[in-house]
Amino acid sequence: MAKVTVEEVADHLRQTMGHVATNENTLLRTRAAAHIGAYQLSLTQLQILQFLLQSDEAVTNSILADHFSISKPAVTKALRKLNKELLVDTKVSETDRRVTTLALSGDGVTLAREYQEIDREINETYLGIAQKFSKGDRKTILKFLETVEGSLNQGQPF
């Protein structure tokens, strides 16, 4: 294999990350355009629907904020759109009026299941790619990705 420079790797990473974001969004918009695309939901909103579908316990804004590592105002903003589209129902606790629990509406369940299937396909694609590499290569790739994630978590521009 020819020698690869750090600059080549950085440039390719930048291009690939752009393609990943674009391709996932394109898949979401085209594969299930009749439902998912029509709502024009963000990836976070779709992930919230999926989380509600999979949750066995009552879910609150605080639980969503913790699970997705986002602020409570960001959760409120995401839920505002989901409520407006009648995908999520809210229920104020009878014992503590400060607590509101969330549940999927019928349309919300349908959309969450569609997204869950698309998410499964995306994960299968990633697994197929990862399986092409040796165990040692996968360890190196994982270390690299963890470093990238650490940079993102520190707020470095990406």
Protein backbone atom coordinates (compact mmCIF):
# COMPACT_ATOMS: atom_id res chain seq x y z
CA MET A 1 0.00 0.00 0.00
CA ALA A 2 1.30 3.44 -0.90
CA LYS A 3 2.23 5.85 1.84
CA VAL A 4 -0.77 7.91 2.94
CA THR A 5 -0.29 11.40 4.33
CA VAL A 6 -2.13 12.81 7.31
CA GLU A 7 -3.56 15.50 5.02
CA GLU A 8 -5.02 12.85 2.68
CA VAL A 9 -6.70 11.08 5.59
CA ALA A 10 -8.09 14.35 6.98
CA ASP A 11 -9.43 15.39 3.57
CA HIS A 12 -11.01 12.01 2.97
CA LEU A 13 -12.58 12.02 6.45
CA ARG A 14 -14.13 15.43 5.79
CA GLN A 15 -15.58 14.27 2.46
CA THR A 16 -16.84 10.99 3.91
CA MET A 17 -18.54 12.64 6.88
CA GLY A 18 -20.35 14.96 4.48
CA HIS A 19 -21.45 12.01 2.35
CA VAL A 20 -22.65 10.05 5.39
CA ALA A 21 -24.84 12.91 6.59
CA THR A 22 -26.22 13.52 3.10
CA ASN A 23 -26.82 9.85 2.32
CA GLU A 24 -28.60 9.10 5.59
CA ASN A 25 -30.85 12.11 5.09
CA THR A 26 -31.46 11.14 1.45
CA LEU A 27 -32.40 7.61 2.48
CA LEU A 28 -34.83 8.97 5.04
CA ARG A 29 -36.41 11.31 2.50
CA THR A 30 -36.67 8.89 -0.43
CA ARG A 31 -37.22 5.45 1.06
CA ALA A 32 -40.23 6.47 3.13
CA ALA A 33 -41.12 9.72 1.39
CA ALA A 34 -44.83 9.04 1.73
CA HIS A 35 -44.55 9.33 5.51
CA ILE A 36 -41.20 10.37 6.89
CA GLY A 37 -40.25 12.79 4.13
CA ALA A 38 -43.62 14.49 4.21
CA TYR A 39 -43.14 15.51 7.85
CA GLN A 40 -39.62 16.91 7.28
CA LEU A 41 -38.45 15.85 10.72
CA SER A 42 -34.90 16.19 11.95
CA LEU A 43 -32.80 13.14 12.73
CA THR A 44 -33.17 13.92 16.46
CA GLN A 45 -36.97 14.03 16.13
CA LEU A 46 -36.95 10.66 14.37
CA GLN A 47 -34.69 9.23 17.06
CA ILE A 48 -37.07 10.54 19.74
CA LEU A 49 -39.95 8.71 18.04
CA GLN A 50 -37.87 5.53 17.93
CA PHE A 51 -36.92 5.92 21.61
CA LEU A 52 -40.58 6.33 22.59
CA LEU A 53 -41.47 3.24 20.55
CA GLN A 54 -38.82 1.14 22.30
CA SER A 55 -39.35 2.49 25.82
CA ASP A 56 -41.16 0.31 28.33
CA GLU A 57 -41.40 3.07 30.93
CA ALA A 58 -42.94 6.54 31.03
CA VAL A 59 -40.76 9.04 29.19
CA THR A 60 -40.37 12.70 30.17
CA ASN A 61 -38.48 15.63 28.64
CA SER A 62 -35.72 15.11 31.22
CA ILE A 63 -35.29 11.47 30.25
CA LEU A 64 -35.00 12.47 26.58
CA ALA A 65 -32.49 15.23 27.39
CA ASP A 66 -30.33 12.79 29.35
CA HIS A 67 -30.60 9.99 26.78
CA PHE A 68 -29.70 12.17 23.78
CA SER A 69 -27.27 14.43 25.68
CA ILE A 70 -29.13 17.56 24.60
CA SER A 71 -30.57 20.46 26.57
CA LYS A 72 -34.15 20.48 27.84
CA PRO A 73 -34.97 23.48 25.61
CA ALA A 74 -33.72 21.46 22.61
CA VAL A 75 -36.04 18.61 23.62
CA THR A 76 -38.94 21.04 23.99
CA LYS A 77 -38.25 22.44 20.51
CA ALA A 78 -38.12 18.94 18.98
CA LEU A 79 -41.32 17.91 20.76
CA ARG A 80 -43.14 21.07 19.67
CA LYS A 81 -42.87 19.92 16.04
CA LEU A 82 -43.83 16.33 16.93
CA ASN A 83 -46.88 17.61 18.83
CA LYS A 84 -47.84 19.93 15.98
CA GLU A 85 -47.72 16.99 13.55
CA LEU A 86 -49.84 14.92 16.00
CA LEU A 87 -47.13 12.27 16.34
CA VAL A 88 -46.71 12.52 20.11
CA ASP A 89 -49.31 12.77 22.86
CA THR A 90 -48.54 14.40 26.20
CA LYS A 91 -50.10 13.68 29.56
CA VAL A 92 -49.68 15.79 32.68
CA SER A 93 -49.21 13.72 35.84
CA GLU A 94 -52.19 13.81 38.18
CA THR A 95 -49.92 13.56 41.23
CA ASP A 96 -47.27 16.07 40.13
CA ARG A 97 -48.46 18.72 37.66
CA ARG A 98 -44.83 19.59 36.83
CA VAL A 99 -44.30 16.18 35.21
CA THR A 100 -45.47 15.52 31.66
CA THR A 101 -45.10 12.09 30.10
CA LEU A 102 -44.92 11.40 26.39
CA ALA A 103 -46.44 8.69 24.22
CA LEU A 104 -46.67 8.03 20.51
CA SER A 105 -49.94 8.63 18.70
CA GLY A 106 -51.07 6.09 16.11
CA ASP A 107 -49.31 8.01 13.33
CA GLY A 108 -46.28 8.37 15.58
CA VAL A 109 -46.07 4.59 16.00
CA THR A 110 -46.27 4.11 12.22
CA LEU A 111 -43.56 6.68 11.57
CA ALA A 112 -41.32 5.32 14.35
CA ARG A 113 -41.56 1.80 12.90
CA GLU A 114 -40.69 3.06 9.42
CA TYR A 115 -37.69 4.94 10.77
CA GLN A 116 -36.66 1.91 12.82
CA GLU A 117 -36.54 -0.18 9.63
CA ILE A 118 -34.45 2.44 7.81
CA ASP A 119 -32.14 2.72 10.83
CA ARG A 120 -31.73 -1.08 10.78
CA GLU A 121 -30.74 -0.94 7.09
CA ILE A 122 -28.19 1.80 7.79
CA ASN A 123 -26.71 -0.24 10.65
CA GLU A 124 -26.48 -3.32 8.40
CA THR A 125 -24.56 -1.25 5.86
CA TYR A 126 -22.09 -0.13 8.55
CA LEU A 127 -21.71 -3.72 9.81
CA GLY A 128 -21.03 -4.95 6.28
CA ILE A 129 -18.31 -2.36 5.85
CA ALA A 130 -16.73 -3.14 9.24
CA GLN A 131 -16.67 -6.88 8.50
CA LYS A 132 -14.37 -6.26 5.53
CA PHE A 133 -11.55 -5.31 7.89
CA SER A 134 -9.37 -7.50 10.08
CA LYS A 135 -9.75 -7.39 13.85
CA GLY A 136 -6.57 -5.33 14.14
CA ASP A 137 -7.75 -2.86 11.51
CA ARG A 138 -11.11 -2.54 13.28
CA LYS A 139 -9.33 -1.72 16.55
CA THR A 140 -7.39 1.04 14.77
CA ILE A 141 -10.54 2.36 13.09
CA LEU A 142 -12.39 2.32 16.43
CA LYS A 143 -9.56 4.21 18.14
CA PHE A 144 -9.64 6.78 15.33
CA LEU A 145 -13.43 7.20 15.56
CA GLU A 146 -13.26 7.56 19.36
CA THR A 147 -10.67 10.31 18.88
CA VAL A 148 -12.94 12.06 16.37
CA GLU A 149 -15.87 11.78 18.79
CA GLY A 150 -13.73 13.17 21.61
CA SER A 151 -12.85 16.17 19.46
CA LEU A 152 -16.53 16.73 18.68
CA ASN A 153 -17.46 16.47 22.36
CA GLN A 154 -14.84 19.10 23.19
CA GLY A 155 -16.50 21.46 20.74
CA GLN A 156 -13.71 21.49 18.20
CA PRO A 157 -14.85 22.56 14.72
CA PHE A 158 -15.59 19.67 12.42
